[in-house]
Protein backbone atom coordinates (compact mmCIF):
# COMPACT_ATOMS: atom_id res chain seq x y z
CA MET A 1 -10.69 -38.87 -9.63
CA PRO A 2 -12.03 -35.89 -11.56
CA LEU A 3 -10.20 -33.06 -13.12
CA TRP A 4 -11.05 -29.32 -12.86
CA GLY A 5 -10.09 -26.84 -15.40
CA GLY A 6 -9.17 -23.17 -14.66
CA ILE A 7 -8.87 -20.16 -16.83
CA GLU A 8 -7.15 -16.99 -15.69
CA ALA A 9 -8.44 -14.76 -18.48
CA GLY A 10 -6.18 -11.59 -18.31
CA GLY A 11 -6.34 -8.54 -20.67
CA THR A 12 -2.66 -9.48 -21.64
CA LYS A 13 -2.48 -13.17 -21.45
CA PHE A 14 -4.82 -16.35 -20.64
CA VAL A 15 -3.46 -19.08 -18.36
CA CYS A 16 -5.18 -22.28 -18.67
CA ALA A 17 -4.47 -25.30 -16.26
CA VAL A 18 -5.98 -28.73 -15.54
CA GLY A 19 -5.63 -30.33 -12.10
CA THR A 20 -6.93 -30.57 -8.51
CA GLY A 21 -4.80 -28.00 -6.62
CA PRO A 22 -1.46 -26.46 -6.13
CA GLU A 23 0.22 -29.80 -5.79
CA ASP A 24 -1.55 -31.36 -8.62
CA VAL A 25 -1.48 -29.27 -11.83
CA GLN A 26 -1.13 -31.80 -14.59
CA ALA A 27 -1.02 -29.48 -17.54
CA GLU A 28 -0.75 -25.70 -18.07
CA ALA A 29 -0.80 -23.38 -20.93
CA ARG A 30 -0.09 -19.59 -21.44
CA PHE A 31 -0.87 -17.56 -24.50
CA ALA A 32 -1.44 -13.91 -25.53
CA THR A 33 -5.04 -12.42 -25.16
CA THR A 34 -5.82 -11.49 -28.88
CA THR A 35 -9.24 -11.63 -30.30
CA PRO A 36 -12.11 -13.32 -28.25
CA GLU A 37 -12.69 -15.97 -31.06
CA GLU A 38 -9.09 -16.81 -31.16
CA THR A 39 -8.27 -16.64 -27.51
CA ILE A 40 -11.25 -18.60 -26.44
CA GLY A 41 -10.76 -21.10 -29.27
CA ARG A 42 -7.25 -21.97 -27.89
CA ALA A 43 -8.55 -22.17 -24.47
CA ILE A 44 -11.23 -24.72 -25.52
CA ASP A 45 -8.64 -26.58 -27.62
CA PHE A 46 -6.34 -26.83 -24.61
CA PHE A 47 -9.06 -28.41 -22.33
CA ARG A 48 -10.22 -30.91 -25.10
CA ILE A 49 -6.79 -32.27 -25.22
CA GLU A 50 -5.62 -32.16 -21.66
CA GLY A 51 -9.08 -32.67 -19.78
CA GLY A 52 -10.61 -35.20 -21.98
CA ARG A 53 -13.47 -37.19 -20.36
CA GLU A 54 -12.39 -36.58 -16.80
CA LEU A 55 -12.95 -32.93 -17.05
CA ALA A 56 -15.70 -32.26 -14.40
CA ALA A 57 -15.91 -28.20 -14.76
CA VAL A 58 -14.11 -25.19 -15.69
CA GLY A 59 -13.72 -22.17 -13.56
CA ILE A 60 -13.01 -18.82 -15.15
CA GLY A 61 -11.50 -15.80 -13.43
CA SER A 62 -11.64 -12.93 -15.94
CA PHE A 63 -10.57 -9.26 -16.47
CA GLY A 64 -13.53 -7.02 -16.54
CA PRO A 65 -15.81 -5.56 -15.80
CA VAL A 66 -17.91 -8.71 -16.06
CA ASP A 67 -21.29 -9.99 -15.14
CA PRO A 68 -20.98 -12.66 -12.33
CA ASN A 69 -24.55 -12.83 -11.47
CA PRO A 70 -25.76 -16.46 -12.27
CA SER A 71 -29.40 -15.25 -12.58
CA SER A 72 -28.57 -12.54 -15.17
CA PRO A 73 -29.05 -13.28 -18.88
CA THR A 74 -25.56 -11.85 -19.47
CA PHE A 75 -23.95 -14.12 -16.76
CA GLY A 76 -20.51 -14.77 -17.77
CA HIS A 77 -19.93 -12.06 -20.13
CA VAL A 78 -17.13 -9.44 -20.24
CA THR A 79 -19.19 -6.25 -20.35
CA THR A 80 -17.88 -2.83 -20.61
CA THR A 81 -14.26 -3.33 -20.94
CA PRO A 82 -12.17 -0.80 -22.73
CA LYS A 83 -10.05 -3.73 -24.37
CA PRO A 84 -10.71 -3.64 -28.08
CA GLY A 85 -12.95 -6.16 -29.29
CA TRP A 86 -13.93 -7.82 -25.99
CA ALA A 87 -16.77 -5.80 -24.92
CA ASN A 88 -19.89 -7.82 -24.41
CA THR A 89 -18.23 -11.02 -25.10
CA ASP A 90 -19.95 -14.32 -23.74
CA LEU A 91 -16.83 -15.95 -22.26
CA ALA A 92 -18.39 -18.49 -19.85
CA GLY A 93 -21.23 -19.48 -22.44
CA ALA A 94 -18.84 -20.05 -25.22
CA VAL A 95 -16.53 -22.46 -22.84
CA ARG A 96 -19.72 -24.26 -21.53
CA ARG A 97 -21.22 -24.86 -25.11
CA ALA A 98 -18.03 -26.15 -26.31
CA LEU A 99 -17.15 -28.35 -23.50
CA GLY A 100 -20.57 -29.50 -22.19
CA VAL A 101 -19.46 -29.11 -18.52
CA PRO A 102 -20.48 -26.58 -15.83
CA VAL A 103 -18.66 -23.32 -15.66
CA GLY A 104 -17.97 -21.20 -12.58
CA PHE A 105 -17.28 -17.59 -13.42
CA ASP A 106 -16.03 -14.50 -11.40
CA THR A 107 -13.52 -11.79 -11.60
CA ASP A 108 -9.75 -12.51 -11.91
CA VAL A 109 -9.36 -11.05 -8.53
CA ASN A 110 -12.12 -12.75 -6.79
CA ALA A 111 -10.82 -16.10 -8.30
CA ALA A 112 -7.20 -15.25 -6.97
CA ALA A 113 -8.90 -14.38 -3.55
CA LEU A 114 -10.58 -17.80 -3.65
CA GLY A 115 -7.48 -19.61 -4.33
CA GLU A 116 -5.50 -17.80 -1.64
CA HIS A 117 -8.46 -18.55 0.75
CA ARG A 118 -8.26 -22.39 0.01
CA TRP A 119 -4.58 -22.93 -0.38
CA GLY A 120 -2.64 -19.84 0.43
CA ALA A 121 -2.34 -16.61 2.59
CA ALA A 122 -5.93 -16.27 3.45
CA GLN A 123 -6.43 -19.70 4.94
CA GLY A 124 -8.69 -19.56 7.97
CA LEU A 125 -9.87 -16.00 7.41
CA ASP A 126 -13.53 -15.10 6.58
CA THR A 127 -12.98 -11.33 5.68
CA PHE A 128 -9.95 -10.28 3.63
CA ILE A 129 -8.88 -8.17 0.57
CA TYR A 130 -6.92 -9.45 -2.43
CA LEU A 131 -5.57 -6.44 -4.51
CA THR A 132 -3.69 -6.88 -7.82
CA VAL A 133 -1.43 -4.15 -8.99
CA GLY A 134 -0.29 -4.64 -12.56
CA THR A 135 -1.62 -3.51 -16.04
CA GLY A 136 -4.59 -2.31 -13.91
CA ILE A 137 -5.61 -2.45 -10.35
CA GLY A 138 -8.27 -4.87 -9.27
CA GLY A 139 -9.61 -5.74 -5.88
CA GLY A 140 -11.75 -8.75 -4.50
CA GLY A 141 -12.00 -10.95 -1.50
CA MET A 142 -14.38 -12.23 1.00
CA VAL A 143 -16.70 -10.78 3.60
CA ASN A 144 -18.03 -13.20 6.19
CA GLY A 145 -16.77 -16.15 4.14
CA ARG A 146 -18.34 -15.23 0.82
CA LEU A 147 -16.79 -13.68 -2.11
CA MET A 148 -17.59 -10.04 -2.65
CA HIS A 149 -20.35 -9.25 -5.18
CA GLY A 150 -23.47 -6.98 -4.89
CA LEU A 151 -24.74 -4.75 -7.56
CA LEU A 152 -21.98 -5.97 -9.85
CA HIS A 153 -18.44 -6.87 -8.16
CA PRO A 154 -15.92 -4.76 -6.44
CA GLU A 155 -14.02 -2.12 -8.38
CA MET A 156 -11.37 -1.14 -6.00
CA GLY A 157 -9.08 0.04 -8.68
CA HIS A 158 -11.39 2.94 -9.54
CA ILE A 159 -11.97 4.52 -6.03
CA ARG A 160 -10.74 8.11 -5.91
CA ILE A 161 -7.60 8.95 -3.86
CA PRO A 162 -6.10 12.23 -3.23
CA HIS A 163 -3.82 13.61 -6.13
CA ASP A 164 -1.29 16.05 -5.04
CA TRP A 165 -0.80 17.79 -8.34
CA ALA A 166 2.34 19.73 -7.36
CA ARG A 167 4.24 16.52 -6.40
CA ASP A 168 2.86 14.60 -9.32
CA PRO A 169 1.51 16.54 -12.35
CA TYR A 170 0.86 13.22 -14.24
CA PRO A 171 -3.01 13.29 -15.10
CA GLY A 172 -3.66 9.60 -14.81
CA CYS A 173 -4.19 7.09 -17.45
CA CYS A 174 -7.66 5.71 -16.57
CA PRO A 175 -9.84 6.11 -19.88
CA TYR A 176 -12.95 6.60 -17.50
CA HIS A 177 -11.66 8.59 -14.55
CA GLY A 178 -8.20 9.76 -15.17
CA ASP A 179 -6.51 9.97 -12.02
CA CYS A 180 -8.40 7.34 -9.95
CA PHE A 181 -6.46 4.71 -7.98
CA GLU A 182 -5.66 2.63 -11.17
CA GLY A 183 -4.98 5.75 -13.21
CA LEU A 184 -2.50 6.84 -10.94
CA ALA A 185 -0.88 3.53 -9.54
CA ALA A 186 -1.07 0.81 -12.20
CA GLY A 187 1.69 -0.35 -14.31
CA PRO A 188 0.72 1.84 -17.34
CA ALA A 189 0.80 5.08 -15.07
CA LEU A 190 4.23 4.28 -13.87
CA GLU A 191 5.44 3.97 -17.62
CA GLY A 192 3.41 7.13 -18.57
CA ARG A 193 4.84 9.10 -15.75
CA TRP A 194 8.41 8.08 -15.84
CA HIS A 195 8.76 6.87 -19.50
CA ALA A 196 9.97 3.57 -18.55
CA ARG A 197 8.40 0.23 -17.54
CA GLY A 198 8.40 -0.31 -13.63
CA GLU A 199 10.59 -3.43 -13.63
CA THR A 200 13.41 -1.31 -15.29
CA LEU A 201 13.49 1.38 -12.46
CA PRO A 202 16.14 0.82 -9.83
CA PRO A 203 15.04 0.32 -6.25
CA ASP A 204 15.98 3.89 -5.12
CA HIS A 205 14.06 5.60 -7.92
CA PRO A 206 11.62 8.32 -6.98
CA ALA A 207 8.87 6.19 -8.55
CA TRP A 208 8.66 3.94 -5.56
CA PRO A 209 7.89 6.27 -2.75
CA LEU A 210 5.29 7.89 -4.90
CA GLU A 211 3.95 4.49 -5.76
CA ALA A 212 3.97 3.40 -2.22
CA GLU A 213 2.09 6.67 -1.29
CA TYR A 214 -0.78 5.83 -3.73
CA LEU A 215 -1.02 2.23 -2.72
CA ALA A 216 -1.10 3.15 0.93
CA LEU A 217 -3.84 5.75 0.29
CA GLY A 218 -5.97 3.31 -1.39
CA LEU A 219 -5.37 0.57 0.96
CA ALA A 220 -6.11 2.75 4.01
CA SER A 221 -9.57 3.64 2.66
CA LEU A 222 -10.31 0.03 1.90
CA ILE A 223 -9.04 -1.10 5.29
CA CYS A 224 -11.48 1.52 7.01
CA ALA A 225 -14.31 0.52 4.83
CA LEU A 226 -14.09 -3.20 4.90
CA SER A 227 -12.12 -4.14 8.12
CA PRO A 228 -10.24 -7.08 6.58
CA GLN A 229 -8.23 -9.57 8.62
CA ARG A 230 -5.46 -9.47 6.13
CA VAL A 231 -4.56 -7.54 2.90
CA ILE A 232 -3.02 -9.52 0.05
CA VAL A 233 -1.20 -7.44 -2.55
CA GLY A 234 -0.38 -9.24 -5.86
CA GLY A 235 0.44 -8.36 -9.41
CA GLY A 236 3.58 -7.60 -11.40
CA VAL A 237 3.98 -4.04 -9.87
CA ALA A 238 3.83 -5.40 -6.33
CA GLN A 239 6.60 -7.86 -6.95
CA GLN A 240 9.25 -5.01 -6.48
CA ALA A 241 10.80 -6.08 -3.24
CA GLN A 242 11.22 -2.49 -2.00
CA LEU A 243 7.60 -1.65 -2.41
CA LEU A 244 5.53 -3.46 0.12
CA PRO A 245 7.88 -2.43 3.15
CA LEU A 246 7.20 1.30 1.99
CA VAL A 247 3.55 0.73 1.71
CA ARG A 248 3.17 -0.90 5.22
CA ARG A 249 4.93 2.02 6.92
CA ARG A 250 2.85 4.65 5.04
CA VAL A 251 -0.47 2.68 5.72
CA GLN A 252 0.29 2.78 9.50
CA GLU A 253 1.21 6.67 9.27
CA LEU A 254 -2.09 7.19 7.31
CA LEU A 255 -4.19 5.33 9.80
CA GLY A 256 -2.66 7.29 12.54
CA GLY A 257 -3.37 4.79 15.46
CA TYR A 258 -7.11 5.14 14.91
CA LEU A 259 -7.51 1.34 14.46
CA GLN A 260 -6.40 -0.27 17.58
CA ALA A 261 -5.64 -3.58 16.09
CA PRO A 262 -2.18 -5.39 16.91
CA ALA A 263 -2.33 -6.76 13.34
CA ILE A 264 -1.93 -3.03 12.06
CA LEU A 265 0.11 -1.69 15.13
CA ASP A 266 2.41 -4.32 15.78
CA GLU A 267 2.37 -7.05 12.98
CA ILE A 268 1.93 -5.05 9.85
CA ALA A 269 4.41 -7.30 7.92
CA ALA A 270 1.91 -10.14 8.41
CA TYR A 271 -1.16 -8.10 7.73
CA ILE A 272 -0.06 -6.57 4.23
CA VAL A 273 1.39 -9.49 2.44
CA PRO A 274 2.13 -10.93 -0.84
CA PRO A 275 0.15 -13.83 -2.22
CA ALA A 276 1.46 -17.19 -0.77
CA LEU A 277 0.39 -18.73 -4.21
CA GLY A 278 2.64 -16.16 -6.06
CA GLY A 279 1.77 -15.66 -9.72
CA ARG A 280 -0.39 -18.99 -9.62
CA ALA A 281 -3.16 -17.59 -7.54
CA GLY A 282 -5.42 -16.55 -10.36
CA VAL A 283 -5.37 -19.85 -12.25
CA LEU A 284 -5.60 -21.99 -9.06
CA GLY A 285 -8.33 -19.95 -7.92
CA ALA A 286 -10.07 -20.54 -11.28
CA ILE A 287 -9.79 -24.42 -10.48
CA ALA A 288 -11.28 -23.61 -7.08
CA LEU A 289 -14.19 -21.94 -8.83
CA ALA A 290 -14.64 -25.04 -10.94
CA GLN A 291 -14.66 -27.24 -7.80
CA GLU A 292 -17.41 -25.03 -6.21
CA VAL A 293 -19.57 -25.10 -9.35
CA SER A 294 -19.18 -28.90 -9.29
CA GLU A 295 -20.37 -28.97 -5.68
CA ASP A 296 -23.23 -26.36 -6.33
CA PRO A 297 -24.56 -26.25 -9.72
CA ASN A 298 -26.68 -23.12 -8.72
CA ARG A 299 -23.55 -21.08 -9.04
CA GLU A 300 -23.81 -21.64 -12.65
CA GLY A 301 -25.55 -19.31 -14.98
CA ARG A 302 -28.08 -20.61 -17.36
């Protein structure tokens, strides 16, 4: 049986795996994201050792912005990222040239969405959102059974949401927009506002109602715009057990009964959910990208 490789290329760490799915991950490695040359080199070395001749393809879900358009000359590149040294890096091309196998490429959140669609909380759905809340905020998902793309790819973390300056004088941390969704609600915003990492703040800290307010404002807009059948919220910040119940209640309040859907009115706990694959959604979704490019070579850029 062929093996597929997956890379969850995050701004903080890379996760690489070889296998066929959640029940068959045969090797895995995690390492810090340093320079492109060093980090991509470590990923390539991992696949040469663990994949060998059986490796059929590699999928990459990457931090961005990226170019996911297979017909573009910069397909597979990390483009205008603020991460030092990574702007305009040909990530997919470097892996393809080194390993000589097809490479599927998309955003890290679209990859995680694909993993959840194939094996997790989005099974059987054709329109849903996957939002990750961690070092940044990213969003992806599917509409009518296809991963979201378009002009580039979704940038849900950079939508503008109301900012109550009296309640929250923190200016935001996004280097492009200041107080956009990511600038107000990602992990660095928690730390910048409260001078402590989110995971160190107790459950009754005032950080959490404010965080829930921002997440609910963002989700309410996305729910109205995209009409998802489910919303999956992952990432390190979202792992705080007290957070999602606050978000669900506030989303219902913000929508105000306008959307007459039982999923929102009566079953909100099954509508806004954590990823069923947990922290493995990204790398498993990358394996799913590899499987898709094996089945349809047109998904790979040239």
